[in-house]
Amino acid sequence: MNTWHLHSTGPDEWVITAHIAHGFFAHLIGLLGSHSPPKPGCGLMLTTRSALHTFGMRFPIDIVYFDEQLQVIACRCHVPPWRLVRTPRGTRFCLEMMAGASQRIRPGTRFTRESLCAA
């Protein structure tokens, strides 16, 4: 699994470790196999353009929506289990994080990425 470090380029300093989910099954499962949410500062990055679901999840999550240039389009905080969530227009990446982790991330915030490894 590839991992990115995402660094914010605005006045607020954000560093997020994002594990990249590639392929149909990685997207379908997402965080479903997890017994606990991602650690603070970590998340699962999905490459998607349509919708996400939290069916079968054991915990609420935050979802951060990015465009192609890794600019934040929108954030959804505390999305409970058993929901279908549409992505905003222009979404290229969605980051699933621990509930409450994205509360201070604002639309318009830009991030840069650094690829850490490929497995």
C-alpha atoms as a PDB file:
ATOM      1  CA  MET A   1       0.000   0.000   0.000  1.00  0.00           C
ATOM      2  CA  ASN A   2       1.322   3.442  -0.916  1.00  0.00           C
ATOM      3  CA  THR A   3       1.574   6.103   1.756  1.00  0.00           C
ATOM      4  CA  TRP A   4       1.591   9.877   1.336  1.00  0.00           C
ATOM      5  CA  HIS A   5       2.511  12.603   3.767  1.00  0.00           C
ATOM      6  CA  LEU A   6       0.161  15.517   3.130  1.00  0.00           C
ATOM      7  CA  HIS A   7       1.454  18.957   4.167  1.00  0.00           C
ATOM      8  CA  SER A   8      -0.815  22.006   4.247  1.00  0.00           C
ATOM      9  CA  THR A   9       0.488  25.080   2.435  1.00  0.00           C
ATOM     10  CA  GLY A  10      -1.639  27.648   4.295  1.00  0.00           C
ATOM     11  CA  PRO A  11      -1.160  29.475   7.585  1.00  0.00           C
ATOM     12  CA  ASP A  12      -2.289  26.464   9.660  1.00  0.00           C
ATOM     13  CA  GLU A  13       0.223  23.620   9.780  1.00  0.00           C
ATOM     14  CA  TRP A  14      -1.244  20.223   8.925  1.00  0.00           C
ATOM     15  CA  VAL A  15       0.667  17.010   8.368  1.00  0.00           C
ATOM     16  CA  ILE A  16      -1.432  13.946   7.633  1.00  0.00           C
ATOM     17  CA  THR A  17      -0.226  10.422   6.889  1.00  0.00           C
ATOM     18  CA  ALA A  18      -2.572   8.998   4.258  1.00  0.00           C
ATOM     19  CA  HIS A  19      -2.565   5.340   3.253  1.00  0.00           C
ATOM     20  CA  ILE A  20      -3.760   5.054  -0.343  1.00  0.00           C
ATOM     21  CA  ALA A  21      -6.467   2.505  -1.183  1.00  0.00           C
ATOM     22  CA  HIS A  22      -6.012   1.230  -4.746  1.00  0.00           C
ATOM     23  CA  GLY A  23      -8.463  -0.966  -6.591  1.00  0.00           C
ATOM     24  CA  PHE A  24     -12.114  -1.907  -6.325  1.00  0.00           C
ATOM     25  CA  PHE A  25     -11.898  -4.071  -3.196  1.00  0.00           C
ATOM     26  CA  ALA A  26      -9.725  -1.599  -1.283  1.00  0.00           C
ATOM     27  CA  HIS A  27     -12.325   1.087  -2.022  1.00  0.00           C
ATOM     28  CA  LEU A  28     -15.249  -1.178  -1.181  1.00  0.00           C
ATOM     29  CA  ILE A  29     -13.788  -2.225   2.151  1.00  0.00           C
ATOM     30  CA  GLY A  30     -12.143   1.077   3.129  1.00  0.00           C
ATOM     31  CA  LEU A  31     -12.076   1.191   6.931  1.00  0.00           C
ATOM     32  CA  LEU A  32     -14.662  -1.602   7.333  1.00  0.00           C
ATOM     33  CA  GLY A  33     -12.095  -4.114   8.524  1.00  0.00           C
ATOM     34  CA  SER A  34     -10.868  -1.796  11.262  1.00  0.00           C
ATOM     35  CA  HIS A  35     -11.911  -2.308  14.862  1.00  0.00           C
ATOM     36  CA  SER A  36     -10.946   1.261  15.708  1.00  0.00           C
ATOM     37  CA  PRO A  37     -10.693   4.529  13.763  1.00  0.00           C
ATOM     38  CA  PRO A  38      -7.400   5.723  12.284  1.00  0.00           C
ATOM     39  CA  LYS A  39      -4.977   7.343  14.718  1.00  0.00           C
ATOM     40  CA  PRO A  40      -4.919  11.153  14.933  1.00  0.00           C
ATOM     41  CA  GLY A  41      -3.023  12.576  11.963  1.00  0.00           C
ATOM     42  CA  CYS A  42      -3.642   9.456   9.858  1.00  0.00           C
ATOM     43  CA  GLY A  43      -6.298   8.384   7.398  1.00  0.00           C
ATOM     44  CA  LEU A  44      -7.250   6.314   4.386  1.00  0.00           C
ATOM     45  CA  MET A  45      -7.190   8.109   1.020  1.00  0.00           C
ATOM     46  CA  LEU A  46      -9.650   6.897  -1.613  1.00  0.00           C
ATOM     47  CA  THR A  47      -9.539   7.871  -5.273  1.00  0.00           C
ATOM     48  CA  THR A  48     -13.206   8.349  -6.004  1.00  0.00           C
ATOM     49  CA  ARG A  49     -15.606  10.680  -7.749  1.00  0.00           C
ATOM     50  CA  SER A  50     -19.084   9.464  -6.817  1.00  0.00           C
ATOM     51  CA  ALA A  51     -20.061   8.356  -3.304  1.00  0.00           C
ATOM     52  CA  LEU A  52     -18.780   6.772  -0.102  1.00  0.00           C
ATOM     53  CA  HIS A  53     -20.544   4.563   2.393  1.00  0.00           C
ATOM     54  CA  THR A  54     -20.140   3.776   6.062  1.00  0.00           C
ATOM     55  CA  PHE A  55     -22.235   0.587   5.964  1.00  0.00           C
ATOM     56  CA  GLY A  56     -20.899  -1.906   8.494  1.00  0.00           C
ATOM     57  CA  MET A  57     -18.523   0.534  10.173  1.00  0.00           C
ATOM     58  CA  ARG A  58     -18.156   0.438  13.932  1.00  0.00           C
ATOM     59  CA  PHE A  59     -17.407   4.117  14.461  1.00  0.00           C
ATOM     60  CA  PRO A  60     -18.143   7.549  12.956  1.00  0.00           C
ATOM     61  CA  ILE A  61     -15.578   9.129  10.635  1.00  0.00           C
ATOM     62  CA  ASP A  62     -14.660  12.497   9.160  1.00  0.00           C
ATOM     63  CA  ILE A  63     -14.370  12.778   5.382  1.00  0.00           C
ATOM     64  CA  VAL A  64     -12.202  15.405   3.685  1.00  0.00           C
ATOM     65  CA  TYR A  65     -12.820  15.930  -0.045  1.00  0.00           C
ATOM     66  CA  PHE A  66      -9.929  17.049  -2.285  1.00  0.00           C
ATOM     67  CA  ASP A  67      -9.754  18.111  -5.914  1.00  0.00           C
ATOM     68  CA  GLU A  68      -7.039  17.008  -8.369  1.00  0.00           C
ATOM     69  CA  GLN A  69      -4.578  19.598  -6.971  1.00  0.00           C
ATOM     70  CA  LEU A  70      -5.179  18.478  -3.339  1.00  0.00           C
ATOM     71  CA  GLN A  71      -7.174  21.569  -2.443  1.00  0.00           C
ATOM     72  CA  VAL A  72      -9.895  20.879   0.117  1.00  0.00           C
ATOM     73  CA  ILE A  73     -13.368  21.139  -1.426  1.00  0.00           C
ATOM     74  CA  ALA A  74     -15.378  20.239   1.685  1.00  0.00           C
ATOM     75  CA  CYS A  75     -15.296  18.360   4.992  1.00  0.00           C
ATOM     76  CA  ARG A  76     -17.975  16.212   6.613  1.00  0.00           C
ATOM     77  CA  CYS A  77     -17.479  15.696  10.340  1.00  0.00           C
ATOM     78  CA  HIS A  78     -18.782  12.823  12.455  1.00  0.00           C
ATOM     79  CA  VAL A  79     -20.425  10.818   9.646  1.00  0.00           C
ATOM     80  CA  PRO A  80     -22.149   7.972  11.519  1.00  0.00           C
ATOM     81  CA  PRO A  81     -22.127   4.308  10.490  1.00  0.00           C
ATOM     82  CA  TRP A  82     -24.695   3.069   7.957  1.00  0.00           C
ATOM     83  CA  ARG A  83     -24.741   6.165   5.738  1.00  0.00           C
ATOM     84  CA  LEU A  84     -24.332   6.745   1.995  1.00  0.00           C
ATOM     85  CA  VAL A  85     -22.517  10.024   1.366  1.00  0.00           C
ATOM     86  CA  ARG A  86     -22.351  11.749  -2.040  1.00  0.00           C
ATOM     87  CA  THR A  87     -19.136  13.497  -2.947  1.00  0.00           C
ATOM     88  CA  PRO A  88     -19.134  17.177  -3.913  1.00  0.00           C
ATOM     89  CA  ARG A  89     -18.605  18.101  -7.565  1.00  0.00           C
ATOM     90  CA  GLY A  90     -14.919  18.152  -8.505  1.00  0.00           C
ATOM     91  CA  THR A  91     -13.840  15.566  -5.920  1.00  0.00           C
ATOM     92  CA  ARG A  92     -10.833  13.453  -6.909  1.00  0.00           C
ATOM     93  CA  PHE A  93      -9.707  12.146  -3.496  1.00  0.00           C
ATOM     94  CA  CYS A  94     -11.545  11.456  -0.232  1.00  0.00           C
ATOM     95  CA  LEU A  95      -9.698  11.089   3.059  1.00  0.00           C
ATOM     96  CA  GLU A  96     -11.405   9.036   5.775  1.00  0.00           C
ATOM     97  CA  MET A  97     -10.183  10.086   9.225  1.00  0.00           C
ATOM     98  CA  MET A  98     -11.036   9.633  12.894  1.00  0.00           C
ATOM     99  CA  ALA A  99     -14.209  11.555  13.832  1.00  0.00           C
ATOM    100  CA  GLY A 100     -13.288  15.074  14.923  1.00  0.00           C
ATOM    101  CA  ALA A 101      -9.856  15.032  13.265  1.00  0.00           C
ATOM    102  CA  SER A 102     -10.838  17.378  10.434  1.00  0.00           C
ATOM    103  CA  GLN A 103     -12.779  19.998  12.406  1.00  0.00           C
ATOM    104  CA  ARG A 104     -10.176  22.714  11.797  1.00  0.00           C
ATOM    105  CA  ILE A 105      -9.484  21.865   8.143  1.00  0.00           C
ATOM    106  CA  ARG A 106     -11.268  24.416   5.964  1.00  0.00           C
ATOM    107  CA  PRO A 107     -12.352  24.378   2.312  1.00  0.00           C
ATOM    108  CA  GLY A 108      -9.709  26.095   0.208  1.00  0.00           C
ATOM    109  CA  THR A 109      -6.786  24.705   2.227  1.00  0.00           C
ATOM    110  CA  ARG A 110      -4.131  23.372  -0.131  1.00  0.00           C
ATOM    111  CA  PHE A 111      -1.944  20.372   0.562  1.00  0.00           C
ATOM    112  CA  THR A 112       1.195  19.042  -1.071  1.00  0.00           C
ATOM    113  CA  ARG A 113       2.097  15.373  -1.035  1.00  0.00           C
ATOM    114  CA  GLU A 114       5.251  13.420  -0.483  1.00  0.00           C
ATOM    115  CA  SER A 115       5.194   9.729  -1.405  1.00  0.00           C
ATOM    116  CA  LEU A 116       6.785   7.712   1.377  1.00  0.00           C
ATOM    117  CA  CYS A 117       6.789   4.154   0.116  1.00  0.00           C
ATOM    118  CA  ALA A 118       5.220   1.672  -2.236  1.00  0.00           C
ATOM    119  CA  ALA A 119       4.535  -1.903  -1.245  1.00  0.00           C
END
